[in-house]
C-alpha cells in the first residue's frame, strides 16, 4: 500500500505541538524524562500500527528516522449544528502518535 494513503497528514494542534516539544522541555523533571520526540499524524482508519510505522519511515527516509512506537486513537464523530438547528456531525478520524528514536526529528533544520 502507498505510504501516502496510510499517513494522510500531520495533525497540528496546541496539544500536539506540546507533545512534539516534550523532549526539549526543562521546566520540570517529569517532562525532561521524555527523551524521544513524538509526532501526531492523521492516518487511514483501516491501517494498523506496523503499516503506520513503515509508512512514516518511508516518507521520511531522507531524514533517516527510526520509529520506536506507535499509539493509535480513533476519534468518533461529534454532533454539530449546521445552521438553524439542523443536525449534522463532524467527521470521525483516526490519529497516530508516533514515537521516534532520541535525536531524530521530522522538521528541517
C-alpha atoms as a PDB file:
ATOM      1  CA  UNK A   1       0.000   0.000   0.000  1.00  0.00           C
ATOM      2  CA  UNK A   2       1.153   3.531  -0.777  1.00  0.00           C
ATOM      3  CA  UNK A   3       2.599   5.232   2.357  1.00  0.00           C
ATOM      4  CA  UNK A   4       0.804   8.477   1.494  1.00  0.00           C
ATOM      5  CA  UNK A   5      -2.552   6.642   1.620  1.00  0.00           C
ATOM      6  CA  UNK A   6      -1.752   5.334   5.093  1.00  0.00           C
ATOM      7  CA  UNK A   7      -0.374   8.597   6.548  1.00  0.00           C
ATOM      8  CA  UNK A   8      -2.583  11.430   5.346  1.00  0.00           C
ATOM      9  CA  UNK A   9      -1.078  14.473   7.083  1.00  0.00           C
ATOM     10  CA  UNK A  10       0.444  15.837  10.256  1.00  0.00           C
ATOM     11  CA  UNK A  11      -2.148  16.681  12.894  1.00  0.00           C
ATOM     12  CA  UNK A  12      -1.234  20.109  14.252  1.00  0.00           C
ATOM     13  CA  UNK A  13      -2.987  21.335  17.393  1.00  0.00           C
ATOM     14  CA  UNK A  14      -1.748  23.051  20.533  1.00  0.00           C
ATOM     15  CA  UNK A  15      -1.632  19.710  22.317  1.00  0.00           C
ATOM     16  CA  UNK A  16       0.338  18.018  19.511  1.00  0.00           C
ATOM     17  CA  UNK A  17       2.885  20.852  19.479  1.00  0.00           C
ATOM     18  CA  UNK A  18       3.386  20.422  23.247  1.00  0.00           C
ATOM     19  CA  UNK A  19       3.818  16.681  22.698  1.00  0.00           C
ATOM     20  CA  UNK A  20       6.437  17.300  19.983  1.00  0.00           C
ATOM     21  CA  UNK A  21       8.438  19.596  22.255  1.00  0.00           C
ATOM     22  CA  UNK A  22       8.432  17.385  25.363  1.00  0.00           C
ATOM     23  CA  UNK A  23      11.910  16.033  24.624  1.00  0.00           C
ATOM     24  CA  UNK A  24      13.375  19.549  24.890  1.00  0.00           C
ATOM     25  CA  UNK A  25      11.367  20.589  27.976  1.00  0.00           C
ATOM     26  CA  UNK A  26      13.350  21.543  31.060  1.00  0.00           C
ATOM     27  CA  UNK A  27      10.564  23.048  33.166  1.00  0.00           C
ATOM     28  CA  UNK A  28      10.238  20.029  35.457  1.00  0.00           C
ATOM     29  CA  UNK A  29      11.846  16.631  35.940  1.00  0.00           C
ATOM     30  CA  UNK A  30       8.933  14.530  34.719  1.00  0.00           C
ATOM     31  CA  UNK A  31       8.851  16.379  31.389  1.00  0.00           C
ATOM     32  CA  UNK A  32      12.601  16.172  30.902  1.00  0.00           C
ATOM     33  CA  UNK A  33      12.415  12.369  31.353  1.00  0.00           C
ATOM     34  CA  UNK A  34      10.782  12.121  27.920  1.00  0.00           C
ATOM     35  CA  UNK A  35      13.820  11.800  25.620  1.00  0.00           C
ATOM     36  CA  UNK A  36      12.097  10.573  22.450  1.00  0.00           C
ATOM     37  CA  UNK A  37      10.251  13.046  20.187  1.00  0.00           C
ATOM     38  CA  UNK A  38       6.590  12.288  19.401  1.00  0.00           C
ATOM     39  CA  UNK A  39       4.617  13.407  16.353  1.00  0.00           C
ATOM     40  CA  UNK A  40       0.895  13.158  15.626  1.00  0.00           C
ATOM     41  CA  UNK A  41      -0.497  12.145  12.208  1.00  0.00           C
ATOM     42  CA  UNK A  42      -3.924  11.650  10.658  1.00  0.00           C
ATOM     43  CA  UNK A  43      -3.969   8.110   9.283  1.00  0.00           C
ATOM     44  CA  UNK A  44      -6.233   5.773   7.339  1.00  0.00           C
ATOM     45  CA  UNK A  45      -8.820   4.168   9.658  1.00  0.00           C
ATOM     46  CA  UNK A  46      -8.028   0.676   8.370  1.00  0.00           C
ATOM     47  CA  UNK A  47      -4.237   0.971   8.858  1.00  0.00           C
ATOM     48  CA  UNK A  48      -2.568  -0.953  11.675  1.00  0.00           C
ATOM     49  CA  UNK A  49       0.420   0.113  13.777  1.00  0.00           C
ATOM     50  CA  UNK A  50       3.044  -1.768  11.738  1.00  0.00           C
ATOM     51  CA  UNK A  51       1.785  -0.203   8.493  1.00  0.00           C
ATOM     52  CA  UNK A  52       1.862   3.268  10.062  1.00  0.00           C
ATOM     53  CA  UNK A  53       5.428   2.768  11.335  1.00  0.00           C
ATOM     54  CA  UNK A  54       6.770   1.604   7.974  1.00  0.00           C
ATOM     55  CA  UNK A  55       4.890   4.377   6.134  1.00  0.00           C
ATOM     56  CA  UNK A  56       6.402   7.094   8.352  1.00  0.00           C
ATOM     57  CA  UNK A  57       9.882   5.617   7.883  1.00  0.00           C
ATOM     58  CA  UNK A  58       9.375   5.506   4.090  1.00  0.00           C
ATOM     59  CA  UNK A  59       8.007   9.067   3.863  1.00  0.00           C
ATOM     60  CA  UNK A  60      10.850  10.495   5.952  1.00  0.00           C
ATOM     61  CA  UNK A  61      13.577   8.191   4.554  1.00  0.00           C
ATOM     62  CA  UNK A  62      15.838  11.130   3.627  1.00  0.00           C
ATOM     63  CA  UNK A  63      15.976  12.147   7.313  1.00  0.00           C
ATOM     64  CA  UNK A  64      16.750   8.534   8.289  1.00  0.00           C
ATOM     65  CA  UNK A  65      14.190   8.349  11.111  1.00  0.00           C
ATOM     66  CA  UNK A  66      13.505   5.190  13.123  1.00  0.00           C
ATOM     67  CA  UNK A  67      10.040   4.648  14.636  1.00  0.00           C
ATOM     68  CA  UNK A  68      10.162   3.225  18.164  1.00  0.00           C
ATOM     69  CA  UNK A  69       6.427   3.035  18.973  1.00  0.00           C
ATOM     70  CA  UNK A  70       3.016   3.872  17.519  1.00  0.00           C
ATOM     71  CA  UNK A  71      -0.126   4.606  19.537  1.00  0.00           C
ATOM     72  CA  UNK A  72      -3.430   4.939  17.692  1.00  0.00           C
ATOM     73  CA  UNK A  73      -6.643   6.711  18.680  1.00  0.00           C
ATOM     74  CA  UNK A  74      -9.972   6.553  16.846  1.00  0.00           C
ATOM     75  CA  UNK A  75     -11.814   9.860  17.318  1.00  0.00           C
ATOM     76  CA  UNK A  76     -15.569   9.414  16.921  1.00  0.00           C
ATOM     77  CA  UNK A  77     -17.820  11.899  15.144  1.00  0.00           C
ATOM     78  CA  UNK A  78     -19.277  14.667  17.296  1.00  0.00           C
ATOM     79  CA  UNK A  79     -22.767  16.107  16.822  1.00  0.00           C
ATOM     80  CA  UNK A  80     -22.820  19.607  15.430  1.00  0.00           C
ATOM     81  CA  UNK A  81     -25.412  22.160  14.367  1.00  0.00           C
ATOM     82  CA  UNK A  82     -25.473  23.082  10.683  1.00  0.00           C
ATOM     83  CA  UNK A  83     -27.340  26.366  10.992  1.00  0.00           C
ATOM     84  CA  UNK A  84     -30.957  26.970  12.035  1.00  0.00           C
ATOM     85  CA  UNK A  85     -30.818  23.918  14.265  1.00  0.00           C
ATOM     86  CA  UNK A  86     -30.375  21.307  11.537  1.00  0.00           C
ATOM     87  CA  UNK A  87     -28.460  18.319  12.873  1.00  0.00           C
ATOM     88  CA  UNK A  88     -25.095  17.327  11.480  1.00  0.00           C
ATOM     89  CA  UNK A  89     -21.878  15.717  12.586  1.00  0.00           C
ATOM     90  CA  UNK A  90     -18.160  16.305  12.387  1.00  0.00           C
ATOM     91  CA  UNK A  91     -16.231  13.600  10.595  1.00  0.00           C
ATOM     92  CA  UNK A  92     -14.626  10.793  12.559  1.00  0.00           C
ATOM     93  CA  UNK A  93     -10.930  10.090  12.038  1.00  0.00           C
ATOM     94  CA  UNK A  94      -8.006   8.026  13.277  1.00  0.00           C
ATOM     95  CA  UNK A  95      -4.824   9.623  14.564  1.00  0.00           C
ATOM     96  CA  UNK A  96      -1.493   8.072  15.414  1.00  0.00           C
ATOM     97  CA  UNK A  97       1.106   9.255  17.912  1.00  0.00           C
ATOM     98  CA  UNK A  98       4.471   8.164  16.516  1.00  0.00           C
ATOM     99  CA  UNK A  99       7.476   7.997  18.841  1.00  0.00           C
ATOM    100  CA  UNK A 100      10.875   8.318  17.168  1.00  0.00           C
ATOM    101  CA  UNK A 101      14.328   7.409  18.436  1.00  0.00           C
ATOM    102  CA  UNK A 102      16.109  10.002  20.561  1.00  0.00           C
ATOM    103  CA  UNK A 103      17.831  12.569  18.357  1.00  0.00           C
ATOM    104  CA  UNK A 104      15.561  12.037  15.316  1.00  0.00           C
ATOM    105  CA  UNK A 105      13.361  14.833  14.017  1.00  0.00           C
ATOM    106  CA  UNK A 106      10.912  15.350  11.168  1.00  0.00           C
ATOM    107  CA  UNK A 107      11.429  19.104  10.978  1.00  0.00           C
ATOM    108  CA  UNK A 108      14.077  20.572   8.706  1.00  0.00           C
ATOM    109  CA  UNK A 109      16.987  22.193  10.443  1.00  0.00           C
END
